[in-house]
Amino acid sequence: MHHDPADMSVKEIYQLLVQLVVPRPIAWVSSISNDGVTNLAPYSFFNAVGANPPTLMFCPVNRRDGTFKDSLNNILENSEFVVSVVSHDLGDEMNQTAAEFDKEISEFEAVGIASTPSSCVKPPRVAQSLAQFECRLNRVIHLAPGPAGANIVIGDIVQFHVADELISPAGKIDQERLDAIGRMGGASYTRTTDRFELTRKNSGS
């Protein structure tokens, strides 16, 4: 079966994408408004960009009425945000922060999620998260206006936070303890506890 995006609705394209591009890591993004209200929301259009410079990206799409989400508004206002990694034991809290809260309400407070101060930026980190990235805005790329319009947010990582318990004696990240979850289609998620290895041959990296 072939699908031409030109003949599909935005909803149909979205459903196809999120069921085929899997699993998707989750950026639990915290930001803060100029009025001092903290915001916390998950985004599964997320990934690392590169190590030189250390950057990551996530993509908040516009609301159904075409307006920007609070995360994007806050980042456009003050150019800072934090991405916290979502482990399996934080899945329920993460899911609750996906709800639409009024911009005057902090998801940290509404859901009962403990925060901890960041080192270099104003938005707080999720205290229970085992790893976080403090970021300053590099750029925003607005791909389309209106409902579901995509906005790529690229952030420069200015501070990494990694829980001591995640560091193995060999200095590697213990993926078993990190127990990160990924987004599938619809309400489905996956754990990263089932892994296998493939050795690259003739790799120049």
N, C-alpha and C. Protein backbone atom coordinates (compact mmCIF):
# COMPACT_ATOMS: atom_id res chain seq x y z
N MET A 1 0.84 -1.19 0.00
CA MET A 1 0.00 0.00 0.00
C MET A 1 0.88 1.25 0.00
N HIS A 2 0.51 2.21 -0.81
CA HIS A 2 1.26 3.46 -0.92
C HIS A 2 0.41 4.61 -0.39
N HIS A 3 1.06 5.55 0.26
CA HIS A 3 0.36 6.70 0.82
C HIS A 3 1.00 7.98 0.31
N ASP A 4 0.23 8.82 -0.31
CA ASP A 4 0.70 10.13 -0.77
C ASP A 4 0.23 11.18 0.24
N PRO A 5 1.16 11.84 0.95
CA PRO A 5 0.76 12.83 1.95
C PRO A 5 -0.16 13.91 1.38
N ALA A 6 -0.02 14.18 0.09
CA ALA A 6 -0.86 15.21 -0.52
C ALA A 6 -2.33 14.82 -0.52
N ASP A 7 -2.62 13.51 -0.41
CA ASP A 7 -3.99 13.03 -0.42
C ASP A 7 -4.49 12.66 0.97
N MET A 8 -3.70 12.97 2.00
CA MET A 8 -4.05 12.58 3.36
C MET A 8 -4.32 13.82 4.22
N SER A 9 -5.14 13.62 5.25
CA SER A 9 -5.37 14.69 6.22
C SER A 9 -4.18 14.73 7.18
N VAL A 10 -4.05 15.83 7.90
CA VAL A 10 -2.97 15.95 8.90
C VAL A 10 -3.11 14.85 9.95
N LYS A 11 -4.34 14.55 10.35
CA LYS A 11 -4.57 13.50 11.34
C LYS A 11 -4.11 12.15 10.82
N GLU A 12 -4.41 11.84 9.57
CA GLU A 12 -4.00 10.56 8.98
C GLU A 12 -2.48 10.46 8.89
N ILE A 13 -1.83 11.55 8.51
CA ILE A 13 -0.37 11.56 8.43
C ILE A 13 0.23 11.35 9.81
N TYR A 14 -0.32 12.05 10.80
CA TYR A 14 0.18 11.93 12.17
C TYR A 14 0.07 10.50 12.67
N GLN A 15 -1.09 9.88 12.47
CA GLN A 15 -1.30 8.52 12.94
C GLN A 15 -0.34 7.54 12.28
N LEU A 16 -0.06 7.74 11.01
CA LEU A 16 0.87 6.87 10.31
C LEU A 16 2.29 7.06 10.84
N LEU A 17 2.68 8.29 11.04
CA LEU A 17 4.02 8.60 11.54
C LEU A 17 4.27 7.98 12.91
N VAL A 18 3.34 8.22 13.85
CA VAL A 18 3.61 7.80 15.23
C VAL A 18 3.52 6.30 15.42
N GLN A 19 2.92 5.60 14.45
CA GLN A 19 2.88 4.14 14.54
C GLN A 19 4.05 3.47 13.81
N LEU A 20 4.75 4.23 12.97
CA LEU A 20 5.87 3.66 12.22
C LEU A 20 7.22 4.14 12.74
N VAL A 21 7.30 5.38 13.21
CA VAL A 21 8.55 5.89 13.76
C VAL A 21 8.57 5.55 15.25
N VAL A 22 9.04 4.35 15.56
CA VAL A 22 8.97 3.82 16.92
C VAL A 22 10.25 3.05 17.26
N PRO A 23 10.58 2.95 18.54
CA PRO A 23 10.02 3.74 19.63
C PRO A 23 10.62 5.15 19.63
N ARG A 24 9.88 6.10 20.14
CA ARG A 24 10.38 7.47 20.19
C ARG A 24 10.72 7.83 21.64
N PRO A 25 11.94 8.35 21.87
CA PRO A 25 12.28 8.78 23.23
C PRO A 25 11.41 9.96 23.63
N ILE A 26 11.29 10.16 24.91
CA ILE A 26 10.39 11.20 25.44
C ILE A 26 11.19 12.31 26.10
N ALA A 27 10.97 13.52 25.63
CA ALA A 27 11.56 14.69 26.28
C ALA A 27 10.53 15.24 27.26
N TRP A 28 10.85 15.19 28.55
CA TRP A 28 9.97 15.79 29.56
C TRP A 28 10.49 17.19 29.78
N VAL A 29 9.88 18.15 29.12
CA VAL A 29 10.43 19.50 29.02
C VAL A 29 9.86 20.42 30.10
N SER A 30 10.75 21.00 30.88
CA SER A 30 10.34 22.01 31.86
C SER A 30 10.79 23.38 31.37
N SER A 31 9.93 24.35 31.58
CA SER A 31 10.21 25.73 31.17
C SER A 31 9.56 26.65 32.19
N ILE A 32 9.79 27.94 32.03
CA ILE A 32 9.22 28.89 32.98
C ILE A 32 8.82 30.16 32.24
N SER A 33 7.67 30.71 32.61
CA SER A 33 7.17 31.91 31.96
C SER A 33 7.83 33.15 32.57
N ASN A 34 7.64 34.28 31.92
CA ASN A 34 8.16 35.53 32.47
C ASN A 34 7.48 35.90 33.77
N ASP A 35 6.31 35.29 34.02
CA ASP A 35 5.59 35.53 35.28
C ASP A 35 6.04 34.57 36.37
N GLY A 36 6.97 33.69 36.05
CA GLY A 36 7.50 32.77 37.05
C GLY A 36 6.73 31.48 37.22
N VAL A 37 5.80 31.18 36.29
CA VAL A 37 5.03 29.94 36.37
C VAL A 37 5.80 28.84 35.64
N THR A 38 6.07 27.75 36.34
CA THR A 38 6.78 26.64 35.71
C THR A 38 5.82 25.77 34.91
N ASN A 39 6.35 25.18 33.85
CA ASN A 39 5.56 24.30 32.98
C ASN A 39 6.34 23.00 32.78
N LEU A 40 5.62 21.90 32.69
CA LEU A 40 6.24 20.60 32.47
C LEU A 40 5.37 19.79 31.53
N ALA A 41 5.92 19.38 30.39
CA ALA A 41 5.12 18.66 29.39
C ALA A 41 6.00 17.69 28.62
N PRO A 42 5.43 16.53 28.21
CA PRO A 42 6.20 15.54 27.46
C PRO A 42 6.04 15.72 25.94
N TYR A 43 7.14 15.42 25.24
CA TYR A 43 7.15 15.48 23.78
C TYR A 43 7.91 14.27 23.24
N SER A 44 7.28 13.52 22.34
CA SER A 44 7.93 12.33 21.80
C SER A 44 8.53 12.55 20.42
N PHE A 45 8.36 13.73 19.84
CA PHE A 45 9.14 14.09 18.67
C PHE A 45 10.40 14.74 19.22
N PHE A 46 11.39 13.90 19.55
CA PHE A 46 12.55 14.35 20.33
C PHE A 46 13.76 13.49 20.02
N ASN A 47 14.93 14.12 20.00
CA ASN A 47 16.16 13.35 19.85
C ASN A 47 17.38 14.24 20.06
N ALA A 48 18.55 13.58 20.18
CA ALA A 48 19.80 14.30 20.20
C ALA A 48 20.12 14.76 18.77
N VAL A 49 20.79 15.90 18.66
CA VAL A 49 21.17 16.42 17.35
C VAL A 49 22.64 16.11 17.07
N GLY A 50 23.50 16.41 18.02
CA GLY A 50 24.92 16.15 17.82
C GLY A 50 25.72 16.49 19.06
N ALA A 51 27.00 16.13 19.03
CA ALA A 51 27.88 16.36 20.18
C ALA A 51 28.75 17.60 20.01
N ASN A 52 28.86 18.12 18.80
CA ASN A 52 29.70 19.30 18.56
C ASN A 52 28.96 20.29 17.68
N PRO A 53 28.24 21.24 18.27
CA PRO A 53 28.08 21.45 19.71
C PRO A 53 27.07 20.46 20.29
N PRO A 54 27.08 20.27 21.63
CA PRO A 54 26.10 19.37 22.24
C PRO A 54 24.70 19.97 22.14
N THR A 55 23.87 19.34 21.36
CA THR A 55 22.54 19.89 21.09
C THR A 55 21.50 18.78 21.08
N LEU A 56 20.27 19.16 21.36
CA LEU A 56 19.14 18.27 21.21
C LEU A 56 17.97 19.06 20.65
N MET A 57 16.95 18.34 20.22
CA MET A 57 15.79 19.00 19.65
C MET A 57 14.51 18.30 20.08
N PHE A 58 13.43 19.06 20.13
CA PHE A 58 12.10 18.48 20.27
C PHE A 58 11.16 19.34 19.46
N CYS A 59 9.97 18.79 19.20
CA CYS A 59 9.06 19.48 18.28
C CYS A 59 7.66 19.59 18.87
N PRO A 60 7.34 20.74 19.48
CA PRO A 60 5.96 20.96 19.93
C PRO A 60 5.10 21.42 18.75
N VAL A 61 4.01 20.73 18.52
CA VAL A 61 3.11 21.15 17.44
C VAL A 61 2.07 22.11 18.01
N ASN A 62 1.53 22.94 17.15
CA ASN A 62 0.53 23.91 17.58
C ASN A 62 -0.75 23.24 18.06
N ARG A 63 -1.47 23.93 18.91
CA ARG A 63 -2.77 23.43 19.37
C ARG A 63 -3.77 23.40 18.22
N ARG A 64 -4.91 22.83 18.49
CA ARG A 64 -5.94 22.72 17.46
C ARG A 64 -6.42 24.08 16.97
N ASP A 65 -6.29 25.11 17.81
CA ASP A 65 -6.69 26.45 17.37
C ASP A 65 -5.54 27.20 16.71
N GLY A 66 -4.41 26.52 16.55
CA GLY A 66 -3.27 27.13 15.86
C GLY A 66 -2.31 27.88 16.75
N THR A 67 -2.60 28.00 18.05
CA THR A 67 -1.72 28.74 18.95
C THR A 67 -0.58 27.86 19.44
N PHE A 68 0.48 28.51 19.91
CA PHE A 68 1.63 27.79 20.45
C PHE A 68 1.30 27.18 21.81
N LYS A 69 1.94 26.06 22.12
CA LYS A 69 1.81 25.48 23.44
C LYS A 69 2.64 26.28 24.45
N ASP A 70 2.32 26.10 25.73
CA ASP A 70 3.00 26.88 26.77
C ASP A 70 4.50 26.67 26.76
N SER A 71 4.95 25.45 26.51
CA SER A 71 6.40 25.18 26.47
C SER A 71 7.08 26.10 25.46
N LEU A 72 6.52 26.16 24.26
CA LEU A 72 7.14 26.97 23.22
C LEU A 72 7.06 28.45 23.54
N ASN A 73 5.91 28.91 24.04
CA ASN A 73 5.79 30.32 24.43
C ASN A 73 6.84 30.70 25.47
N ASN A 74 7.01 29.83 26.48
CA ASN A 74 7.99 30.12 27.53
C ASN A 74 9.41 30.17 26.97
N ILE A 75 9.74 29.24 26.10
CA ILE A 75 11.09 29.19 25.53
C ILE A 75 11.35 30.39 24.63
N LEU A 76 10.34 30.81 23.90
CA LEU A 76 10.49 32.01 23.07
C LEU A 76 10.66 33.25 23.94
N GLU A 77 10.07 33.23 25.15
CA GLU A 77 10.18 34.38 26.04
C GLU A 77 11.56 34.48 26.69
N ASN A 78 12.09 33.34 27.15
CA ASN A 78 13.34 33.44 27.94
C ASN A 78 14.47 32.54 27.47
N SER A 79 14.27 31.79 26.40
CA SER A 79 15.34 31.04 25.73
C SER A 79 16.00 29.96 26.59
N GLU A 80 15.27 29.39 27.54
CA GLU A 80 15.82 28.33 28.38
C GLU A 80 14.81 27.21 28.59
N PHE A 81 15.32 25.97 28.74
CA PHE A 81 14.47 24.85 29.08
C PHE A 81 15.33 23.70 29.59
N VAL A 82 14.67 22.71 30.18
CA VAL A 82 15.35 21.52 30.67
C VAL A 82 14.62 20.30 30.13
N VAL A 83 15.37 19.29 29.71
CA VAL A 83 14.79 18.02 29.32
C VAL A 83 15.17 16.97 30.35
N SER A 84 14.17 16.36 30.97
CA SER A 84 14.39 15.29 31.94
C SER A 84 14.04 13.96 31.29
N VAL A 85 14.87 12.94 31.53
CA VAL A 85 14.64 11.61 30.99
C VAL A 85 13.53 10.93 31.79
N VAL A 86 12.64 10.24 31.10
CA VAL A 86 11.52 9.57 31.75
C VAL A 86 11.83 8.08 31.93
N SER A 87 12.02 7.66 33.17
CA SER A 87 12.18 6.24 33.47
C SER A 87 10.79 5.62 33.67
N HIS A 88 10.76 4.29 33.67
CA HIS A 88 9.48 3.58 33.75
C HIS A 88 8.68 3.99 34.98
N ASP A 89 9.34 4.19 36.11
CA ASP A 89 8.61 4.50 37.34
C ASP A 89 8.01 5.90 37.34
N LEU A 90 8.35 6.72 36.35
CA LEU A 90 7.79 8.07 36.25
C LEU A 90 6.75 8.18 35.13
N GLY A 91 6.42 7.04 34.52
CA GLY A 91 5.51 7.05 33.39
C GLY A 91 4.15 7.65 33.68
N ASP A 92 3.57 7.30 34.81
CA ASP A 92 2.23 7.80 35.13
C ASP A 92 2.24 9.32 35.33
N GLU A 93 3.23 9.81 36.06
CA GLU A 93 3.32 11.26 36.28
C GLU A 93 3.55 11.99 34.96
N MET A 94 4.42 11.43 34.12
CA MET A 94 4.66 12.04 32.81
C MET A 94 3.37 12.13 32.02
N ASN A 95 2.59 11.05 32.01
CA ASN A 95 1.35 11.02 31.26
C ASN A 95 0.36 12.06 31.77
N GLN A 96 0.33 12.27 33.07
CA GLN A 96 -0.58 13.28 33.63
C GLN A 96 -0.22 14.68 33.17
N THR A 97 1.06 14.95 32.97
CA THR A 97 1.47 16.30 32.55
C THR A 97 1.18 16.56 31.08
N ALA A 98 0.73 15.52 30.35
CA ALA A 98 0.37 15.72 28.95
C ALA A 98 -0.99 16.40 28.81
N ALA A 99 -1.75 16.48 29.91
CA ALA A 99 -3.07 17.12 29.87
C ALA A 99 -2.92 18.63 29.66
N GLU A 100 -3.97 19.24 29.15
CA GLU A 100 -3.96 20.69 28.94
C GLU A 100 -4.28 21.41 30.25
N PHE A 101 -3.28 22.06 30.81
CA PHE A 101 -3.48 22.87 32.01
C PHE A 101 -3.49 24.34 31.61
N ASP A 102 -4.21 25.15 32.37
CA ASP A 102 -4.18 26.59 32.14
C ASP A 102 -2.76 27.09 32.33
N LYS A 103 -2.39 28.12 31.58
CA LYS A 103 -1.01 28.60 31.63
C LYS A 103 -0.61 29.17 32.99
N GLU A 104 -1.58 29.49 33.84
CA GLU A 104 -1.27 29.99 35.18
C GLU A 104 -1.05 28.85 36.17
N ILE A 105 -1.21 27.61 35.72
CA ILE A 105 -1.06 26.45 36.61
C ILE A 105 0.24 25.72 36.30
N SER A 106 1.02 25.43 37.33
CA SER A 106 2.24 24.67 37.17
C SER A 106 1.94 23.18 37.23
N GLU A 107 2.38 22.44 36.23
CA GLU A 107 2.19 20.99 36.24
C GLU A 107 2.95 20.33 37.39
N PHE A 108 4.08 20.90 37.77
CA PHE A 108 4.81 20.38 38.93
C PHE A 108 3.89 20.33 40.15
N GLU A 109 3.19 21.42 40.38
CA GLU A 109 2.31 21.52 41.56
C GLU A 109 1.02 20.73 41.35
N ALA A 110 0.42 20.83 40.16
CA ALA A 110 -0.86 20.18 39.91
C ALA A 110 -0.76 18.67 40.01
N VAL A 111 0.33 18.10 39.53
CA VAL A 111 0.50 16.65 39.52
C VAL A 111 1.24 16.15 40.76
N GLY A 112 1.90 17.07 41.47
CA GLY A 112 2.65 16.68 42.66
C GLY A 112 4.01 16.12 42.33
N ILE A 113 4.71 16.75 41.39
CA ILE A 113 6.04 16.30 40.98
C ILE A 113 7.09 17.19 41.63
N ALA A 114 8.01 16.59 42.34
CA ALA A 114 9.06 17.35 43.02
C ALA A 114 10.04 17.92 41.99
N SER A 115 10.43 19.16 42.22
CA SER A 115 11.40 19.80 41.34
C SER A 115 12.69 20.08 42.11
N THR A 116 13.73 20.33 41.36
CA THR A 116 15.01 20.71 41.96
C THR A 116 15.63 21.79 41.08
N PRO A 117 16.34 22.75 41.69
CA PRO A 117 16.89 23.85 40.89
C PRO A 117 17.92 23.37 39.87
N SER A 118 17.98 24.09 38.77
CA SER A 118 19.00 23.83 37.76
C SER A 118 20.26 24.61 38.12
N SER A 119 21.35 24.29 37.47
CA SER A 119 22.63 24.94 37.75
C SER A 119 22.86 26.19 36.91
N CYS A 120 22.41 26.15 35.65
CA CYS A 120 22.74 27.21 34.70
C CYS A 120 21.54 27.94 34.12
N VAL A 121 20.35 27.37 34.25
CA VAL A 121 19.15 27.98 33.68
C VAL A 121 18.07 28.11 34.75
N LYS A 122 17.06 28.92 34.46
CA LYS A 122 16.00 29.17 35.45
C LYS A 122 14.99 28.03 35.58
N PRO A 123 14.57 27.37 34.50
CA PRO A 123 13.58 26.29 34.67
C PRO A 123 14.13 25.18 35.57
N PRO A 124 13.30 24.63 36.45
CA PRO A 124 13.76 23.56 37.33
C PRO A 124 13.81 22.21 36.61
N ARG A 125 14.45 21.25 37.27
CA ARG A 125 14.53 19.88 36.77
C ARG A 125 13.54 19.01 37.52
N VAL A 126 13.19 17.86 36.96
CA VAL A 126 12.38 16.87 37.66
C VAL A 126 13.30 16.15 38.63
N ALA A 127 13.03 16.29 39.92
CA ALA A 127 13.94 15.78 40.95
C ALA A 127 14.16 14.28 40.86
N GLN A 128 13.12 13.53 40.54
CA GLN A 128 13.22 12.07 40.51
C GLN A 128 13.81 11.52 39.23
N SER A 129 13.94 12.36 38.21
CA SER A 129 14.53 11.89 36.96
C SER A 129 16.01 11.57 37.19
N LEU A 130 16.47 10.50 36.57
CA LEU A 130 17.86 10.07 36.77
C LEU A 130 18.85 10.80 35.87
N ALA A 131 18.34 11.55 34.90
CA ALA A 131 19.23 12.30 34.00
C ALA A 131 18.47 13.49 33.43
N GLN A 132 19.16 14.63 33.34
CA GLN A 132 18.54 15.83 32.79
C GLN A 132 19.55 16.61 31.97
N PHE A 133 19.02 17.39 31.03
CA PHE A 133 19.83 18.26 30.18
C PHE A 133 19.35 19.69 30.35
N GLU A 134 20.21 20.56 30.83
CA GLU A 134 19.87 21.98 30.89
C GLU A 134 20.22 22.60 29.54
N CYS A 135 19.30 23.37 28.97
CA CYS A 135 19.50 23.88 27.61
C CYS A 135 19.21 25.37 27.49
N ARG A 136 19.96 25.99 26.61
CA ARG A 136 19.65 27.35 26.17
C ARG A 136 19.28 27.26 24.69
N LEU A 137 18.33 28.08 24.31
CA LEU A 137 17.80 28.02 22.95
C LEU A 137 18.87 28.35 21.91
N ASN A 138 18.98 27.48 20.94
CA ASN A 138 19.82 27.74 19.78
C ASN A 138 19.00 28.41 18.69
N ARG A 139 17.88 27.78 18.35
CA ARG A 139 16.96 28.37 17.38
C ARG A 139 15.64 27.61 17.38
N VAL A 140 14.62 28.27 16.86
CA VAL A 140 13.33 27.63 16.62
C VAL A 140 13.05 27.71 15.12
N ILE A 141 12.66 26.60 14.55
CA ILE A 141 12.31 26.57 13.13
C ILE A 141 10.81 26.30 13.03
N HIS A 142 10.06 27.29 12.59
CA HIS A 142 8.62 27.15 12.44
C HIS A 142 8.34 26.56 11.06
N LEU A 143 7.91 25.31 11.01
CA LEU A 143 7.71 24.63 9.74
C LEU A 143 6.37 24.96 9.09
N ALA A 144 5.36 25.23 9.93
CA ALA A 144 4.05 25.56 9.37
C ALA A 144 3.22 26.26 10.43
N PRO A 145 2.40 27.23 10.02
CA PRO A 145 1.49 27.89 10.97
C PRO A 145 0.20 27.09 11.10
N GLY A 146 -0.65 27.51 12.02
CA GLY A 146 -1.97 26.92 12.13
C GLY A 146 -2.01 25.63 12.91
N PRO A 147 -3.19 24.97 12.95
CA PRO A 147 -3.37 23.74 13.72
C PRO A 147 -2.36 22.65 13.34
N ALA A 148 -1.73 22.05 14.36
CA ALA A 148 -0.76 20.97 14.19
C ALA A 148 0.52 21.41 13.49
N GLY A 149 0.69 22.71 13.26
CA GLY A 149 1.93 23.19 12.66
C GLY A 149 3.12 22.84 13.53
N ALA A 150 4.19 22.36 12.92
CA ALA A 150 5.35 21.89 13.67
C ALA A 150 6.36 23.01 13.92
N ASN A 151 6.97 22.97 15.10
CA ASN A 151 7.98 23.94 15.50
C ASN A 151 9.18 23.18 16.07
N ILE A 152 10.29 23.19 15.38
CA ILE A 152 11.47 22.47 15.84
C ILE A 152 12.26 23.38 16.78
N VAL A 153 12.41 22.94 18.01
CA VAL A 153 13.18 23.69 19.01
C VAL A 153 14.53 23.01 19.18
N ILE A 154 15.60 23.72 18.89
CA ILE A 154 16.95 23.19 19.05
C ILE A 154 17.60 23.89 20.23
N GLY A 155 18.13 23.10 21.16
CA GLY A 155 18.74 23.66 22.36
C GLY A 155 20.20 23.27 22.49
N ASP A 156 21.02 24.22 22.93
CA ASP A 156 22.40 23.92 23.27
C ASP A 156 22.45 23.39 24.70
N ILE A 157 23.03 22.23 24.91
CA ILE A 157 23.13 21.65 26.24
C ILE A 157 24.24 22.35 27.01
N VAL A 158 23.89 23.00 28.12
CA VAL A 158 24.89 23.73 28.91
C VAL A 158 25.24 23.00 30.20
N GLN A 159 24.49 21.95 30.53
CA GLN A 159 24.79 21.16 31.72
C GLN A 159 24.10 19.80 31.62
N PHE A 160 24.88 18.74 31.87
CA PHE A 160 24.34 17.40 31.99
C PHE A 160 24.22 17.06 33.48
N HIS A 161 23.15 16.38 33.85
CA HIS A 161 23.01 15.85 35.21
C HIS A 161 22.73 14.36 35.10
N VAL A 162 23.58 13.54 35.69
CA VAL A 162 23.42 12.09 35.64
C VAL A 162 23.56 11.55 37.06
N ALA A 163 22.56 10.80 37.51
CA ALA A 163 22.60 10.23 38.86
C ALA A 163 23.80 9.30 39.01
N ASP A 164 24.46 9.39 40.16
CA ASP A 164 25.65 8.57 40.40
C ASP A 164 25.35 7.08 40.22
N GLU A 165 24.15 6.66 40.58
CA GLU A 165 23.79 5.25 40.50
C GLU A 165 23.72 4.73 39.07
N LEU A 166 23.69 5.63 38.10
CA LEU A 166 23.64 5.21 36.70
C LEU A 166 25.01 4.90 36.13
N ILE A 167 26.08 5.35 36.80
CA ILE A 167 27.42 5.20 36.27
C ILE A 167 28.00 3.85 36.67
N SER A 168 28.33 3.03 35.69
CA SER A 168 28.91 1.71 35.96
C SER A 168 30.38 1.86 36.32
N PRO A 169 31.00 0.82 36.88
CA PRO A 169 32.44 0.88 37.19
C PRO A 169 33.29 1.21 35.96
N ALA A 170 32.79 0.87 34.78
CA ALA A 170 33.53 1.16 33.55
C ALA A 170 33.28 2.56 33.03
N GLY A 171 32.45 3.33 33.77
CA GLY A 171 32.17 4.69 33.37
C GLY A 171 31.06 4.82 32.35
N LYS A 172 30.33 3.75 32.08
CA LYS A 172 29.22 3.76 31.12
C LYS A 172 27.89 3.97 31.86
N ILE A 173 26.88 4.38 31.09
CA ILE A 173 25.54 4.51 31.65
C ILE A 173 24.91 3.13 31.77
N ASP A 174 24.41 2.82 32.94
CA ASP A 174 23.73 1.55 33.19
C ASP A 174 22.30 1.66 32.66
N GLN A 175 22.07 1.13 31.46
CA GLN A 175 20.76 1.26 30.83
C GLN A 175 19.67 0.52 31.59
N GLU A 176 20.06 -0.54 32.30
CA GLU A 176 19.07 -1.29 33.08
C GLU A 176 18.49 -0.41 34.17
N ARG A 177 19.33 0.36 34.83
CA ARG A 177 18.86 1.24 35.89
C ARG A 177 18.16 2.47 35.35
N LEU A 178 18.62 2.96 34.22
CA LEU A 178 17.94 4.11 33.62
C LEU A 178 16.51 3.75 33.26
N ASP A 179 16.30 2.58 32.70
CA ASP A 179 14.95 2.05 32.43
C ASP A 179 14.07 3.06 31.72
N ALA A 180 14.64 3.70 30.70
CA ALA A 180 13.88 4.71 29.97
C ALA A 180 12.72 4.08 29.20
N ILE A 181 11.69 4.85 29.00
CA ILE A 181 10.54 4.37 28.22
C ILE A 181 10.45 5.15 26.91
N GLY A 182 9.79 4.53 25.93
CA GLY A 182 9.61 5.17 24.64
C GLY A 182 8.15 5.15 24.23
N ARG A 183 7.80 6.05 23.35
CA ARG A 183 6.42 6.18 22.90
C ARG A 183 6.21 5.38 21.62
N MET A 184 5.12 4.65 21.57
CA MET A 184 4.71 3.96 20.37
C MET A 184 3.50 4.73 19.81
N GLY A 185 2.60 4.07 19.11
CA GLY A 185 1.41 4.73 18.61
C GLY A 185 0.30 4.73 19.64
N GLY A 186 -0.56 5.73 19.59
CA GLY A 186 -1.70 5.79 20.50
C GLY A 186 -1.27 5.85 21.95
N ALA A 187 -1.86 4.97 22.78
CA ALA A 187 -1.55 4.96 24.21
C ALA A 187 -0.43 3.97 24.55
N SER A 188 0.22 3.41 23.54
CA SER A 188 1.22 2.38 23.78
C SER A 188 2.61 2.97 24.03
N TYR A 189 3.30 2.38 24.99
CA TYR A 189 4.69 2.74 25.32
C TYR A 189 5.51 1.46 25.37
N THR A 190 6.82 1.62 25.39
CA THR A 190 7.70 0.47 25.49
C THR A 190 8.82 0.76 26.47
N ARG A 191 9.37 -0.31 27.06
CA ARG A 191 10.52 -0.17 27.95
C ARG A 191 11.79 -0.53 27.18
N THR A 192 12.92 -0.03 27.67
CA THR A 192 14.19 -0.30 27.00
C THR A 192 14.98 -1.37 27.74
N THR A 193 14.27 -2.29 28.38
CA THR A 193 14.94 -3.33 29.15
C THR A 193 15.26 -4.56 28.31
N ASP A 194 14.71 -4.67 27.11
CA ASP A 194 15.00 -5.79 26.21
C ASP A 194 15.93 -5.30 25.12
N ARG A 195 17.20 -5.67 25.21
CA ARG A 195 18.20 -5.12 24.30
C ARG A 195 19.06 -6.23 23.69
N PHE A 196 19.70 -5.91 22.57
CA PHE A 196 20.66 -6.82 21.96
C PHE A 196 21.77 -5.97 21.35
N GLU A 197 22.88 -6.61 21.00
CA GLU A 197 24.03 -5.88 20.47
C GLU A 197 24.34 -6.31 19.05
N LEU A 198 24.76 -5.33 18.25
CA LEU A 198 25.25 -5.58 16.89
C LEU A 198 26.58 -4.86 16.76
N THR A 199 27.64 -5.57 16.45
CA THR A 199 28.95 -4.97 16.34
C THR A 199 29.14 -4.40 14.94
N ARG A 200 29.51 -3.12 14.88
CA ARG A 200 29.76 -2.49 13.59
C ARG A 200 31.11 -2.97 13.02
N LYS A 201 31.13 -3.19 11.71
CA LYS A 201 32.36 -3.60 11.05
C LYS A 201 32.89 -2.45 10.21
N ASN A 202 34.22 -2.26 10.25
CA ASN A 202 34.88 -1.21 9.48
C ASN A 202 34.30 0.16 9.76
N SER A 203 33.98 0.40 11.05
CA SER A 203 33.43 1.70 11.42
C SER A 203 34.54 2.71 11.59
N GLY A 204 34.32 3.89 11.05
CA GLY A 204 35.32 4.94 11.20
C GLY A 204 35.07 5.81 12.38
N SER A 205 33.99 5.55 13.15
CA SER A 205 33.65 6.40 14.29
C SER A 205 34.29 5.87 15.56
